[in-house]
C-alpha atoms as a PDB file:
ATOM      1  CA  UNK A   1       8.300 -13.968  31.321  1.00  0.00           C
ATOM      2  CA  UNK A   2       5.639 -15.430  33.446  1.00  0.00           C
ATOM      3  CA  UNK A   3       3.430 -13.445  35.911  1.00  0.00           C
ATOM      4  CA  UNK A   4       2.430 -15.051  39.276  1.00  0.00           C
ATOM      5  CA  UNK A   5      -0.663 -17.233  38.909  1.00  0.00           C
ATOM      6  CA  UNK A   6      -4.049 -16.391  40.110  1.00  0.00           C
ATOM      7  CA  UNK A   7      -7.443 -18.492  41.020  1.00  0.00           C
ATOM      8  CA  UNK A   8     -10.750 -17.628  40.219  1.00  0.00           C
ATOM      9  CA  UNK A   9     -13.211 -19.152  42.964  1.00  0.00           C
ATOM     10  CA  UNK A  10     -17.081 -18.931  42.143  1.00  0.00           C
ATOM     11  CA  UNK A  11     -18.930 -18.427  45.238  1.00  0.00           C
ATOM     12  CA  UNK A  12     -21.009 -21.340  44.550  1.00  0.00           C
ATOM     13  CA  UNK A  13     -18.221 -23.936  44.326  1.00  0.00           C
ATOM     14  CA  UNK A  14     -17.015 -25.062  47.533  1.00  0.00           C
ATOM     15  CA  UNK A  15     -14.319 -27.447  47.952  1.00  0.00           C
ATOM     16  CA  UNK A  16     -17.044 -30.205  49.121  1.00  0.00           C
ATOM     17  CA  UNK A  17     -18.981 -31.804  46.210  1.00  0.00           C
ATOM     18  CA  UNK A  18     -17.351 -29.609  43.860  1.00  0.00           C
ATOM     19  CA  UNK A  19     -16.918 -31.899  40.883  1.00  0.00           C
ATOM     20  CA  UNK A  20     -20.704 -33.004  41.326  1.00  0.00           C
ATOM     21  CA  UNK A  21     -21.529 -29.172  40.992  1.00  0.00           C
ATOM     22  CA  UNK A  22     -19.187 -28.876  37.976  1.00  0.00           C
ATOM     23  CA  UNK A  23     -20.800 -31.711  36.186  1.00  0.00           C
ATOM     24  CA  UNK A  24     -24.321 -30.508  36.720  1.00  0.00           C
ATOM     25  CA  UNK A  25     -23.303 -26.867  35.724  1.00  0.00           C
ATOM     26  CA  UNK A  26     -21.947 -28.606  32.610  1.00  0.00           C
ATOM     27  CA  UNK A  27     -25.355 -30.233  31.736  1.00  0.00           C
ATOM     28  CA  UNK A  28     -27.203 -26.953  32.251  1.00  0.00           C
ATOM     29  CA  UNK A  29     -24.778 -25.144  29.995  1.00  0.00           C
ATOM     30  CA  UNK A  30     -24.888 -27.529  27.397  1.00  0.00           C
ATOM     31  CA  UNK A  31     -28.726 -27.342  27.490  1.00  0.00           C
ATOM     32  CA  UNK A  32     -28.967 -23.751  26.898  1.00  0.00           C
ATOM     33  CA  UNK A  33     -26.154 -23.679  24.318  1.00  0.00           C
ATOM     34  CA  UNK A  34     -27.840 -26.373  22.440  1.00  0.00           C
ATOM     35  CA  UNK A  35     -31.203 -23.961  22.270  1.00  0.00           C
ATOM     36  CA  UNK A  36     -28.641 -20.999  21.000  1.00  0.00           C
ATOM     37  CA  UNK A  37     -26.593 -22.543  18.735  1.00  0.00           C
ATOM     38  CA  UNK A  38     -28.536 -22.348  15.786  1.00  0.00           C
ATOM     39  CA  UNK A  39     -28.403 -18.393  15.822  1.00  0.00           C
ATOM     40  CA  UNK A  40     -24.683 -18.427  15.634  1.00  0.00           C
ATOM     41  CA  UNK A  41     -24.415 -20.334  12.543  1.00  0.00           C
ATOM     42  CA  UNK A  42     -24.052 -17.802  10.119  1.00  0.00           C
ATOM     43  CA  UNK A  43     -21.006 -15.657  10.485  1.00  0.00           C
ATOM     44  CA  UNK A  44     -21.516 -12.080  12.119  1.00  0.00           C
ATOM     45  CA  UNK A  45     -22.431  -9.106  10.037  1.00  0.00           C
ATOM     46  CA  UNK A  46     -19.693  -6.518  10.074  1.00  0.00           C
ATOM     47  CA  UNK A  47     -20.568  -3.064  10.586  1.00  0.00           C
ATOM     48  CA  UNK A  48     -19.785  -0.313   8.965  1.00  0.00           C
ATOM     49  CA  UNK A  49     -16.445   1.798   9.694  1.00  0.00           C
ATOM     50  CA  UNK A  50     -17.160   3.712  12.830  1.00  0.00           C
ATOM     51  CA  UNK A  51     -16.009   7.555  13.461  1.00  0.00           C
ATOM     52  CA  UNK A  52     -16.120   6.403  17.158  1.00  0.00           C
ATOM     53  CA  UNK A  53     -14.677   3.059  17.764  1.00  0.00           C
ATOM     54  CA  UNK A  54     -14.417   3.172  21.132  1.00  0.00           C
ATOM     55  CA  UNK A  55     -11.987   3.901  24.121  1.00  0.00           C
ATOM     56  CA  UNK A  56     -10.481   0.637  24.449  1.00  0.00           C
ATOM     57  CA  UNK A  57      -9.224  -1.538  21.818  1.00  0.00           C
ATOM     58  CA  UNK A  58     -11.744  -3.861  19.943  1.00  0.00           C
ATOM     59  CA  UNK A  59     -12.031  -7.494  21.188  1.00  0.00           C
ATOM     60  CA  UNK A  60     -12.587 -10.567  18.851  1.00  0.00           C
ATOM     61  CA  UNK A  61     -14.004 -13.618  20.054  1.00  0.00           C
ATOM     62  CA  UNK A  62     -13.065 -17.131  18.714  1.00  0.00           C
ATOM     63  CA  UNK A  63     -15.132 -20.271  19.576  1.00  0.00           C
ATOM     64  CA  UNK A  64     -13.668 -23.604  20.074  1.00  0.00           C
ATOM     65  CA  UNK A  65     -13.801 -26.904  18.280  1.00  0.00           C
ATOM     66  CA  UNK A  66     -17.524 -27.617  16.332  1.00  0.00           C
ATOM     67  CA  UNK A  67     -18.827 -24.581  18.161  1.00  0.00           C
ATOM     68  CA  UNK A  68     -20.004 -21.236  16.843  1.00  0.00           C
ATOM     69  CA  UNK A  69     -20.177 -17.484  18.213  1.00  0.00           C
ATOM     70  CA  UNK A  70     -23.364 -18.272  20.078  1.00  0.00           C
ATOM     71  CA  UNK A  71     -21.216 -19.489  22.885  1.00  0.00           C
ATOM     72  CA  UNK A  72     -20.106 -15.853  23.654  1.00  0.00           C
ATOM     73  CA  UNK A  73     -23.619 -14.538  24.344  1.00  0.00           C
ATOM     74  CA  UNK A  74     -22.979 -13.460  27.757  1.00  0.00           C
ATOM     75  CA  UNK A  75     -19.390 -12.658  27.588  1.00  0.00           C
ATOM     76  CA  UNK A  76     -20.211 -10.524  24.430  1.00  0.00           C
ATOM     77  CA  UNK A  77     -22.635  -8.520  26.141  1.00  0.00           C
ATOM     78  CA  UNK A  78     -20.611  -7.910  29.460  1.00  0.00           C
ATOM     79  CA  UNK A  79     -17.395  -6.706  27.518  1.00  0.00           C
ATOM     80  CA  UNK A  80     -19.680  -4.325  25.456  1.00  0.00           C
ATOM     81  CA  UNK A  81     -21.142  -2.889  28.334  1.00  0.00           C
ATOM     82  CA  UNK A  82     -21.204   1.069  28.388  1.00  0.00           C
ATOM     83  CA  UNK A  83     -20.098   1.000  24.779  1.00  0.00           C
ATOM     84  CA  UNK A  84     -16.141   1.603  25.775  1.00  0.00           C
ATOM     85  CA  UNK A  85     -14.929  -1.175  23.334  1.00  0.00           C
ATOM     86  CA  UNK A  86     -16.530  -2.907  19.850  1.00  0.00           C
ATOM     87  CA  UNK A  87     -16.791  -6.580  20.516  1.00  0.00           C
ATOM     88  CA  UNK A  88     -17.067  -8.962  17.598  1.00  0.00           C
ATOM     89  CA  UNK A  89     -17.145 -12.823  16.975  1.00  0.00           C
ATOM     90  CA  UNK A  90     -15.492 -14.617  14.545  1.00  0.00           C
ATOM     91  CA  UNK A  91     -16.647 -17.942  13.093  1.00  0.00           C
ATOM     92  CA  UNK A  92     -14.078 -20.065  11.224  1.00  0.00           C
ATOM     93  CA  UNK A  93     -15.255 -22.887   9.157  1.00  0.00           C
ATOM     94  CA  UNK A  94     -16.161 -25.769  10.614  1.00  0.00           C
ATOM     95  CA  UNK A  95     -14.671 -27.823   7.780  1.00  0.00           C
ATOM     96  CA  UNK A  96     -11.100 -26.625   8.608  1.00  0.00           C
ATOM     97  CA  UNK A  97      -8.666 -28.949   8.510  1.00  0.00           C
ATOM     98  CA  UNK A  98      -5.356 -27.002   9.351  1.00  0.00           C
ATOM     99  CA  UNK A  99      -5.102 -24.797  12.582  1.00  0.00           C
ATOM    100  CA  UNK A 100      -2.262 -22.971  10.368  1.00  0.00           C
ATOM    101  CA  UNK A 101      -4.726 -21.944   7.938  1.00  0.00           C
ATOM    102  CA  UNK A 102      -7.453 -20.958  10.618  1.00  0.00           C
ATOM    103  CA  UNK A 103      -4.697 -18.903  12.123  1.00  0.00           C
ATOM    104  CA  UNK A 104      -3.778 -17.106   8.951  1.00  0.00           C
ATOM    105  CA  UNK A 105      -7.529 -16.514   8.183  1.00  0.00           C
ATOM    106  CA  UNK A 106      -7.734 -14.856  11.563  1.00  0.00           C
ATOM    107  CA  UNK A 107      -5.038 -12.457  10.790  1.00  0.00           C
ATOM    108  CA  UNK A 108      -6.724 -11.305   7.656  1.00  0.00           C
ATOM    109  CA  UNK A 109      -9.809 -10.559   9.920  1.00  0.00           C
ATOM    110  CA  UNK A 110      -7.886  -8.807  12.370  1.00  0.00           C
ATOM    111  CA  UNK A 111      -6.072  -6.761   9.844  1.00  0.00           C
ATOM    112  CA  UNK A 112      -9.799  -5.738   8.637  1.00  0.00           C
ATOM    113  CA  UNK A 113     -11.101  -5.118  12.168  1.00  0.00           C
ATOM    114  CA  UNK A 114      -8.114  -2.708  12.754  1.00  0.00           C
ATOM    115  CA  UNK A 115      -8.899  -0.691   9.337  1.00  0.00           C
ATOM    116  CA  UNK A 116     -12.492  -0.471  10.011  1.00  0.00           C
ATOM    117  CA  UNK A 117     -12.210   0.711  13.889  1.00  0.00           C
ATOM    118  CA  UNK A 118      -8.999   2.898  13.336  1.00  0.00           C
ATOM    119  CA  UNK A 119      -7.250   0.913  16.272  1.00  0.00           C
ATOM    120  CA  UNK A 120      -3.815  -0.340  15.977  1.00  0.00           C
ATOM    121  CA  UNK A 121      -4.062  -3.157  18.222  1.00  0.00           C
ATOM    122  CA  UNK A 122      -6.993  -5.813  19.346  1.00  0.00           C
ATOM    123  CA  UNK A 123      -7.592  -7.967  22.108  1.00  0.00           C
ATOM    124  CA  UNK A 124      -8.448 -11.758  21.372  1.00  0.00           C
ATOM    125  CA  UNK A 125     -10.677 -14.155  23.579  1.00  0.00           C
ATOM    126  CA  UNK A 126     -10.324 -17.783  22.468  1.00  0.00           C
ATOM    127  CA  UNK A 127     -12.456 -20.864  23.766  1.00  0.00           C
ATOM    128  CA  UNK A 128     -10.582 -24.116  23.385  1.00  0.00           C
ATOM    129  CA  UNK A 129      -9.481 -24.468  20.153  1.00  0.00           C
ATOM    130  CA  UNK A 130     -10.196 -20.832  19.247  1.00  0.00           C
ATOM    131  CA  UNK A 131      -7.568 -19.811  21.858  1.00  0.00           C
ATOM    132  CA  UNK A 132      -4.923 -22.228  20.391  1.00  0.00           C
ATOM    133  CA  UNK A 133      -5.651 -20.836  16.779  1.00  0.00           C
ATOM    134  CA  UNK A 134      -5.211 -17.200  18.085  1.00  0.00           C
ATOM    135  CA  UNK A 135      -1.916 -18.135  20.055  1.00  0.00           C
ATOM    136  CA  UNK A 136      -0.813 -19.730  16.985  1.00  0.00           C
ATOM    137  CA  UNK A 137      -1.385 -16.163  15.326  1.00  0.00           C
ATOM    138  CA  UNK A 138       0.233 -14.207  17.630  1.00  0.00           C
ATOM    139  CA  UNK A 139       3.292 -16.489  18.301  1.00  0.00           C
ATOM    140  CA  UNK A 140       4.156 -17.862  14.778  1.00  0.00           C
ATOM    141  CA  UNK A 141       2.386 -15.417  12.227  1.00  0.00           C
ATOM    142  CA  UNK A 142       3.500 -11.997  13.598  1.00  0.00           C
ATOM    143  CA  UNK A 143      -0.137 -11.295  15.233  1.00  0.00           C
ATOM    144  CA  UNK A 144       1.782  -9.844  18.378  1.00  0.00           C
ATOM    145  CA  UNK A 145       1.981  -6.540  16.377  1.00  0.00           C
ATOM    146  CA  UNK A 146      -1.673  -6.464  16.374  1.00  0.00           C
ATOM    147  CA  UNK A 147      -3.005  -8.248  19.369  1.00  0.00           C
ATOM    148  CA  UNK A 148      -2.387  -6.637  22.696  1.00  0.00           C
ATOM    149  CA  UNK A 149      -3.975  -8.925  24.944  1.00  0.00           C
ATOM    150  CA  UNK A 150      -4.750 -12.823  24.400  1.00  0.00           C
ATOM    151  CA  UNK A 151      -7.005 -14.624  26.735  1.00  0.00           C
ATOM    152  CA  UNK A 152      -7.799 -18.333  26.383  1.00  0.00           C
ATOM    153  CA  UNK A 153     -10.465 -20.236  28.106  1.00  0.00           C
ATOM    154  CA  UNK A 154      -9.674 -23.944  28.538  1.00  0.00           C
ATOM    155  CA  UNK A 155      -7.289 -24.125  25.513  1.00  0.00           C
ATOM    156  CA  UNK A 156      -5.078 -27.069  25.026  1.00  0.00           C
ATOM    157  CA  UNK A 157      -1.619 -25.380  25.147  1.00  0.00           C
ATOM    158  CA  UNK A 158       0.386 -28.368  25.577  1.00  0.00           C
ATOM    159  CA  UNK A 159      -2.147 -30.556  23.531  1.00  0.00           C
ATOM    160  CA  UNK A 160      -4.819 -32.983  24.962  1.00  0.00           C
ATOM    161  CA  UNK A 161      -5.097 -36.649  25.002  1.00  0.00           C
ATOM    162  CA  UNK A 162      -8.959 -36.599  25.461  1.00  0.00           C
ATOM    163  CA  UNK A 163     -10.881 -38.713  22.883  1.00  0.00           C
ATOM    164  CA  UNK A 164      -8.354 -40.784  20.651  1.00  0.00           C
ATOM    165  CA  UNK A 165     -11.231 -41.831  18.520  1.00  0.00           C
ATOM    166  CA  UNK A 166     -11.558 -38.415  17.136  1.00  0.00           C
ATOM    167  CA  UNK A 167      -8.032 -38.641  15.753  1.00  0.00           C
ATOM    168  CA  UNK A 168      -9.615 -38.990  12.125  1.00  0.00           C
ATOM    169  CA  UNK A 169     -10.120 -35.119  12.302  1.00  0.00           C
ATOM    170  CA  UNK A 170      -6.657 -33.370  11.258  1.00  0.00           C
ATOM    171  CA  UNK A 171      -7.333 -30.513  13.655  1.00  0.00           C
ATOM    172  CA  UNK A 172      -7.940 -33.067  16.410  1.00  0.00           C
ATOM    173  CA  UNK A 173      -4.477 -34.515  15.670  1.00  0.00           C
ATOM    174  CA  UNK A 174      -2.796 -31.087  15.665  1.00  0.00           C
ATOM    175  CA  UNK A 175      -4.025 -30.757  19.130  1.00  0.00           C
ATOM    176  CA  UNK A 176      -2.155 -33.710  20.337  1.00  0.00           C
ATOM    177  CA  UNK A 177       0.692 -33.460  22.455  1.00  0.00           C
ATOM    178  CA  UNK A 178       3.265 -34.754  20.049  1.00  0.00           C
ATOM    179  CA  UNK A 179       1.921 -33.022  16.889  1.00  0.00           C
ATOM    180  CA  UNK A 180       4.235 -30.598  14.585  1.00  0.00           C
ATOM    181  CA  UNK A 181       1.726 -27.649  15.766  1.00  0.00           C
ATOM    182  CA  UNK A 182       2.655 -28.265  19.441  1.00  0.00           C
ATOM    183  CA  UNK A 183       6.090 -28.146  18.440  1.00  0.00           C
ATOM    184  CA  UNK A 184       6.057 -25.312  16.750  1.00  0.00           C
ATOM    185  CA  UNK A 185       4.543 -23.445  19.709  1.00  0.00           C
ATOM    186  CA  UNK A 186       7.190 -24.986  21.916  1.00  0.00           C
ATOM    187  CA  UNK A 187      10.023 -23.217  19.968  1.00  0.00           C
ATOM    188  CA  UNK A 188      11.361 -19.830  20.656  1.00  0.00           C
ATOM    189  CA  UNK A 189       9.563 -17.042  20.381  1.00  0.00           C
ATOM    190  CA  UNK A 190      11.560 -13.881  21.717  1.00  0.00           C
ATOM    191  CA  UNK A 191      10.175 -10.513  21.693  1.00  0.00           C
ATOM    192  CA  UNK A 192       6.631 -11.605  21.486  1.00  0.00           C
ATOM    193  CA  UNK A 193       4.834  -8.293  22.640  1.00  0.00           C
ATOM    194  CA  UNK A 194       1.148  -9.781  23.284  1.00  0.00           C
ATOM    195  CA  UNK A 195       0.320 -10.401  26.918  1.00  0.00           C
ATOM    196  CA  UNK A 196      -1.316 -13.732  27.421  1.00  0.00           C
ATOM    197  CA  UNK A 197      -3.869 -14.812  30.246  1.00  0.00           C
ATOM    198  CA  UNK A 198      -4.870 -18.725  30.273  1.00  0.00           C
ATOM    199  CA  UNK A 199      -7.814 -19.768  32.493  1.00  0.00           C
ATOM    200  CA  UNK A 200      -7.900 -22.947  33.214  1.00  0.00           C
ATOM    201  CA  UNK A 201      -9.855 -25.475  35.612  1.00  0.00           C
ATOM    202  CA  UNK A 202      -9.393 -28.812  37.462  1.00  0.00           C
ATOM    203  CA  UNK A 203     -12.880 -30.093  36.209  1.00  0.00           C
ATOM    204  CA  UNK A 204     -12.419 -29.358  32.782  1.00  0.00           C
ATOM    205  CA  UNK A 205     -12.703 -32.941  31.201  1.00  0.00           C
ATOM    206  CA  UNK A 206     -11.735 -31.880  27.735  1.00  0.00           C
ATOM    207  CA  UNK A 207      -8.091 -30.963  28.898  1.00  0.00           C
ATOM    208  CA  UNK A 208      -6.187 -34.354  29.589  1.00  0.00           C
ATOM    209  CA  UNK A 209      -4.472 -33.421  31.641  1.00  0.00           C
ATOM    210  CA  UNK A 210      -6.027 -30.576  33.128  1.00  0.00           C
ATOM    211  CA  UNK A 211      -2.501 -28.374  33.558  1.00  0.00           C
ATOM    212  CA  UNK A 212      -2.615 -28.556  29.752  1.00  0.00           C
ATOM    213  CA  UNK A 213      -4.778 -25.451  29.506  1.00  0.00           C
ATOM    214  CA  UNK A 214      -1.816 -23.308  31.339  1.00  0.00           C
ATOM    215  CA  UNK A 215       0.713 -21.513  28.858  1.00  0.00           C
ATOM    216  CA  UNK A 216       4.288 -22.566  29.970  1.00  0.00           C
ATOM    217  CA  UNK A 217       6.619 -21.006  27.839  1.00  0.00           C
ATOM    218  CA  UNK A 218       9.804 -18.693  28.811  1.00  0.00           C
ATOM    219  CA  UNK A 219       9.566 -16.115  25.970  1.00  0.00           C
ATOM    220  CA  UNK A 220       5.699 -15.461  26.617  1.00  0.00           C
ATOM    221  CA  UNK A 221       4.489 -12.853  28.992  1.00  0.00           C
ATOM    222  CA  UNK A 222       1.638 -15.306  30.721  1.00  0.00           C
ATOM    223  CA  UNK A 223      -0.715 -15.088  33.702  1.00  0.00           C
ATOM    224  CA  UNK A 224      -2.193 -18.531  34.374  1.00  0.00           C
ATOM    225  CA  UNK A 225      -5.719 -18.386  36.139  1.00  0.00           C
ATOM    226  CA  UNK A 226      -6.853 -21.494  37.810  1.00  0.00           C
ATOM    227  CA  UNK A 227     -10.723 -21.582  38.005  1.00  0.00           C
ATOM    228  CA  UNK A 228     -12.508 -24.128  40.430  1.00  0.00           C
ATOM    229  CA  UNK A 229     -15.594 -25.447  40.263  1.00  0.00           C
ATOM    230  CA  UNK A 230     -16.452 -24.970  36.473  1.00  0.00           C
ATOM    231  CA  UNK A 231     -15.903 -27.408  33.570  1.00  0.00           C
ATOM    232  CA  UNK A 232     -14.942 -26.802  29.916  1.00  0.00           C
ATOM    233  CA  UNK A 233     -18.446 -25.606  28.309  1.00  0.00           C
ATOM    234  CA  UNK A 234     -19.151 -23.209  31.261  1.00  0.00           C
ATOM    235  CA  UNK A 235     -15.934 -21.272  30.912  1.00  0.00           C
ATOM    236  CA  UNK A 236     -17.130 -18.712  28.603  1.00  0.00           C
ATOM    237  CA  UNK A 237     -20.406 -18.525  30.603  1.00  0.00           C
ATOM    238  CA  UNK A 238     -19.621 -18.294  34.190  1.00  0.00           C
ATOM    239  CA  UNK A 239     -20.185 -14.762  35.690  1.00  0.00           C
ATOM    240  CA  UNK A 240     -16.931 -15.175  37.593  1.00  0.00           C
ATOM    241  CA  UNK A 241     -14.893 -16.005  34.880  1.00  0.00           C
ATOM    242  CA  UNK A 242     -16.613 -13.293  32.600  1.00  0.00           C
ATOM    243  CA  UNK A 243     -15.768 -10.664  35.586  1.00  0.00           C
ATOM    244  CA  UNK A 244     -12.430 -11.699  35.374  1.00  0.00           C
ATOM    245  CA  UNK A 245     -11.890 -11.584  31.846  1.00  0.00           C
ATOM    246  CA  UNK A 246     -13.485  -7.751  31.810  1.00  0.00           C
ATOM    247  CA  UNK A 247     -10.983  -7.066  34.348  1.00  0.00           C
ATOM    248  CA  UNK A 248      -7.817  -8.568  32.509  1.00  0.00           C
ATOM    249  CA  UNK A 249      -8.905  -6.439  29.390  1.00  0.00           C
ATOM    250  CA  UNK A 250      -9.960  -3.098  31.125  1.00  0.00           C
ATOM    251  CA  UNK A 251      -6.466  -2.709  32.457  1.00  0.00           C
ATOM    252  CA  UNK A 252      -2.980  -4.129  33.061  1.00  0.00           C
ATOM    253  CA  UNK A 253      -2.840  -7.913  33.791  1.00  0.00           C
ATOM    254  CA  UNK A 254      -1.693  -6.798  37.522  1.00  0.00           C
ATOM    255  CA  UNK A 255      -5.139  -5.369  37.999  1.00  0.00           C
ATOM    256  CA  UNK A 256      -6.480  -8.867  37.966  1.00  0.00           C
ATOM    257  CA  UNK A 257      -7.195  -9.767  41.656  1.00  0.00           C
ATOM    258  CA  UNK A 258      -4.103 -12.237  42.560  1.00  0.00           C
ATOM    259  CA  UNK A 259      -1.774 -11.101  40.245  1.00  0.00           C
ATOM    260  CA  UNK A 260       0.767 -11.399  41.950  1.00  0.00           C
ATOM    261  CA  UNK A 261      -0.259 -13.945  44.489  1.00  0.00           C
ATOM    262  CA  UNK A 262      -3.667 -15.936  44.945  1.00  0.00           C
ATOM    263  CA  UNK A 263      -7.130 -14.535  45.451  1.00  0.00           C
ATOM    264  CA  UNK A 264     -10.535 -15.361  44.931  1.00  0.00           C
ATOM    265  CA  UNK A 265     -13.334 -13.777  42.475  1.00  0.00           C
ATOM    266  CA  UNK A 266     -16.851 -14.404  43.623  1.00  0.00           C
END
């Protein structure tokens, strides 16, 4: 049940020299994130139940492997603008040794968020491994009953072969193309109600191959959005991607320029 692909092309990333600019941007984003990282180590405090939970479903943001909620400083601010939705972040433990366990805990967090805000459904945005945890919850644990939209940013949906020396970590092994977790995600998922939008970039060095960040599944309602001129770390921080994510969550998937067809978002 695929939707036609779209393309997000930042104005600062013309074809010539795009790879060098993407690498330079990655270094800048990395430096900034290292400064912010200590601010996101602790779990975000959960606010009291709200009598005014917002017009739109709340959004829950999930970071990637070894990261924390500080990666979403800019995205969170943009999604929460004008007070139309509640936006929260979720730090899963860096000691997590099983993606399935992280997905089950995410399910508990989503139930708590729904109970606290009065909404029946939420939107999830996951960067890298966070997107894979969210997809497992949606596709394998019945999370589609609670998740309206799943947005993934640089997530290895078909597994990644990067950094083989990191296979000592069990979660990294689960992100390999031939892992049992990947086999589960390739299994049929008839009737899945969540719409999925996967952002991927040809300059994402963590995705090997880069196309692995696309969702290719016949039973899922999917839009794959190609990003150019941006690397892995910049995906949750770049203004063009942030704007596109807002468009996805603010309306139907077809509201994103280029769905169907191809377009640029500057």
